[in-house]
Amino acid sequence: MRESLLIPSLSPSRTPAAILYSTQSSFLLAFFAGPFAIILYSALNSWKLRRPMDALLYLPALALSTAFFVAVQTGYAPLMTVADAIGAGGERILSRALAMALFGVVYLMHRKQYRSAVLFGAKPPAPWIPAIACGALAYGMTWVVLYYAKALSV
């Protein structure tokens, strides 16, 4: 009898694939907490996947979100024209639209992993603690950006 046939062919040192947080939690976080929250939350998913090159996409997203909030705080004319055309709460609606667009980009980035999880019936981990932490950090980031934009515009 050959002993080599009894040895497992898969190496035990290989770690199992990471299971991402659900798309529903990402959507809800983007809708209620804004663009900074979805960037932080999806960066957490990328970290779980061990994909450091995703940071090249998160840095422009952070810059775009920061520029948006600075433009809102300083009253950038084209943006305020659009916000006024929308009506009451136009800035909030534009912020949610930006967050939803970022959610779409992030979903496309992680689409393969989400589909694999659905195919294999993998249950995503509980998103509550990371989602609340990302939401709280995003609130702080938004407040800091708005505070410094207001201080610089005066």
Protein backbone atom coordinates (compact mmCIF):
# COMPACT_ATOMS: atom_id res chain seq x y z
CA MET A 1 0.00 0.00 0.00
CA ARG A 2 1.24 3.48 -0.86
CA GLU A 3 1.55 5.77 2.14
CA SER A 4 1.53 8.85 -0.07
CA LEU A 5 -2.11 8.22 -0.92
CA LEU A 6 -3.09 8.59 2.73
CA ILE A 7 -1.50 12.04 3.10
CA PRO A 8 -3.96 14.93 2.59
CA SER A 9 -3.21 16.89 -0.56
CA LEU A 10 -4.34 20.21 0.87
CA SER A 11 -1.86 21.88 3.15
CA PRO A 12 -3.14 22.44 6.71
CA SER A 13 -1.29 25.76 6.95
CA ARG A 14 -3.56 27.37 4.38
CA THR A 15 -6.11 29.57 6.10
CA PRO A 16 -9.75 29.41 5.01
CA ALA A 17 -11.17 32.20 2.90
CA ALA A 18 -12.37 35.22 4.80
CA ILE A 19 -16.10 35.77 5.05
CA LEU A 20 -17.07 39.39 4.49
CA TYR A 21 -19.71 41.35 6.31
CA SER A 22 -23.06 41.26 4.53
CA THR A 23 -24.05 43.60 1.74
CA GLN A 24 -27.16 44.55 3.69
CA SER A 25 -25.08 45.89 6.56
CA SER A 26 -22.90 47.80 4.11
CA PHE A 27 -25.95 49.30 2.41
CA LEU A 28 -27.56 50.35 5.69
CA LEU A 29 -24.32 51.80 6.99
CA ALA A 30 -23.81 53.78 3.78
CA PHE A 31 -27.38 55.06 3.85
CA PHE A 32 -27.53 56.09 7.50
CA ALA A 33 -23.91 56.91 8.40
CA GLY A 34 -22.57 58.44 5.20
CA PRO A 35 -19.54 58.19 2.95
CA PHE A 36 -16.81 58.01 5.58
CA ALA A 37 -18.55 55.08 7.27
CA ILE A 38 -18.79 52.98 4.12
CA ILE A 39 -15.15 53.69 3.31
CA LEU A 40 -14.05 52.52 6.78
CA TYR A 41 -16.35 49.49 6.72
CA SER A 42 -15.23 48.35 3.29
CA ALA A 43 -11.60 48.90 4.26
CA LEU A 44 -12.29 46.47 7.09
CA ASN A 45 -13.58 43.95 4.55
CA SER A 46 -10.49 44.47 2.39
CA TRP A 47 -8.30 43.97 5.44
CA LYS A 48 -10.08 40.66 6.12
CA LEU A 49 -9.32 39.64 2.53
CA ARG A 50 -5.68 40.71 2.93
CA ARG A 51 -5.84 43.02 -0.07
CA PRO A 52 -3.68 46.06 0.75
CA MET A 53 -3.84 47.37 -2.82
CA ASP A 54 -7.49 48.28 -2.25
CA ALA A 55 -6.15 51.27 -0.32
CA LEU A 56 -5.40 52.84 -3.69
CA LEU A 57 -9.16 53.09 -4.19
CA TYR A 58 -9.99 54.19 -0.66
CA LEU A 59 -7.65 57.18 -0.67
CA PRO A 60 -9.40 58.91 -3.60
CA ALA A 61 -12.75 58.05 -2.01
CA LEU A 62 -11.62 59.73 1.22
CA ALA A 63 -10.40 62.74 -0.73
CA LEU A 64 -13.71 62.98 -2.63
CA SER A 65 -15.73 62.73 0.58
CA THR A 66 -13.58 65.33 2.29
CA ALA A 67 -13.88 67.66 -0.70
CA PHE A 68 -17.65 67.20 -0.67
CA PHE A 69 -17.98 68.18 2.99
CA VAL A 70 -15.59 71.11 2.56
CA ALA A 71 -17.64 72.29 -0.42
CA VAL A 72 -20.84 72.02 1.61
CA GLN A 73 -19.36 73.93 4.55
CA THR A 74 -17.82 76.69 2.44
CA GLY A 75 -20.91 77.08 0.25
CA TYR A 76 -19.32 76.14 -3.08
CA ALA A 77 -21.69 77.70 -5.63
CA PRO A 78 -22.30 74.81 -8.09
CA LEU A 79 -22.90 72.33 -5.27
CA MET A 80 -25.19 74.73 -3.41
CA THR A 81 -27.15 75.34 -6.62
CA VAL A 82 -27.82 71.61 -6.91
CA ALA A 83 -28.65 71.35 -3.19
CA ASP A 84 -31.07 74.30 -3.47
CA ALA A 85 -32.70 72.72 -6.53
CA ILE A 86 -33.30 69.54 -4.53
CA GLY A 87 -34.96 71.45 -1.75
CA ALA A 88 -34.85 71.21 2.03
CA GLY A 89 -32.08 68.91 3.21
CA GLY A 90 -30.37 68.94 -0.16
CA GLU A 91 -26.91 68.58 1.38
CA ARG A 92 -28.03 65.51 3.30
CA ILE A 93 -29.52 63.96 0.15
CA LEU A 94 -26.32 64.63 -1.80
CA SER A 95 -24.27 63.12 1.02
CA ARG A 96 -26.40 59.97 0.93
CA ALA A 97 -26.11 59.84 -2.85
CA LEU A 98 -22.32 60.01 -2.54
CA ALA A 99 -22.36 57.26 0.10
CA MET A 100 -24.59 55.06 -2.07
CA ALA A 101 -22.31 55.58 -5.07
CA LEU A 102 -19.33 54.56 -2.92
CA PHE A 103 -21.28 51.51 -1.75
CA GLY A 104 -21.81 50.55 -5.39
CA VAL A 105 -18.10 50.83 -6.13
CA VAL A 106 -17.22 48.79 -3.06
CA TYR A 107 -19.77 46.14 -3.95
CA LEU A 108 -18.30 45.81 -7.42
CA MET A 109 -14.85 45.55 -5.87
CA HIS A 110 -15.89 42.66 -3.58
CA ARG A 111 -18.54 41.12 -5.84
CA LYS A 112 -16.62 37.87 -6.36
CA GLN A 113 -16.30 37.23 -2.62
CA TYR A 114 -19.96 38.07 -1.98
CA ARG A 115 -21.10 35.68 -4.69
CA SER A 116 -18.82 32.92 -3.43
CA ALA A 117 -20.24 33.30 0.07
CA VAL A 118 -23.78 33.02 -1.27
CA LEU A 119 -22.87 30.02 -3.42
CA PHE A 120 -21.34 28.10 -0.51
CA GLY A 121 -23.98 29.20 1.98
CA ALA A 122 -21.45 30.92 4.25
CA LYS A 123 -23.05 32.87 7.04
CA PRO A 124 -21.52 36.36 7.38
CA PRO A 125 -20.23 37.39 10.79
CA ALA A 126 -22.30 39.67 13.00
CA PRO A 127 -21.77 43.22 11.74
CA TRP A 128 -23.02 45.16 14.74
CA ILE A 129 -19.82 46.03 16.56
CA PRO A 130 -17.76 46.94 13.46
CA ALA A 131 -20.68 48.85 11.91
CA ILE A 132 -21.27 50.88 15.07
CA ALA A 133 -17.54 51.55 15.42
CA CYS A 134 -17.25 52.64 11.77
CA GLY A 135 -20.35 54.83 12.14
CA ALA A 136 -18.97 56.50 15.25
CA LEU A 137 -15.57 57.07 13.64
CA ALA A 138 -17.26 58.42 10.52
CA TYR A 139 -19.32 60.84 12.59
CA GLY A 140 -16.13 62.09 14.23
CA MET A 141 -14.37 62.39 10.88
CA THR A 142 -17.28 64.34 9.41
CA TRP A 143 -17.39 66.66 12.40
CA VAL A 144 -13.63 67.31 12.20
CA VAL A 145 -13.75 68.02 8.46
CA LEU A 146 -16.72 70.37 8.84
CA TYR A 147 -15.12 72.13 11.82
CA TYR A 148 -11.81 72.75 10.05
CA ALA A 149 -13.55 73.80 6.81
CA LYS A 150 -15.58 76.33 8.79
CA ALA A 151 -12.47 77.58 10.59
CA LEU A 152 -10.58 78.00 7.32
CA SER A 153 -13.43 79.78 5.55
CA VAL A 154 -13.78 82.48 8.20
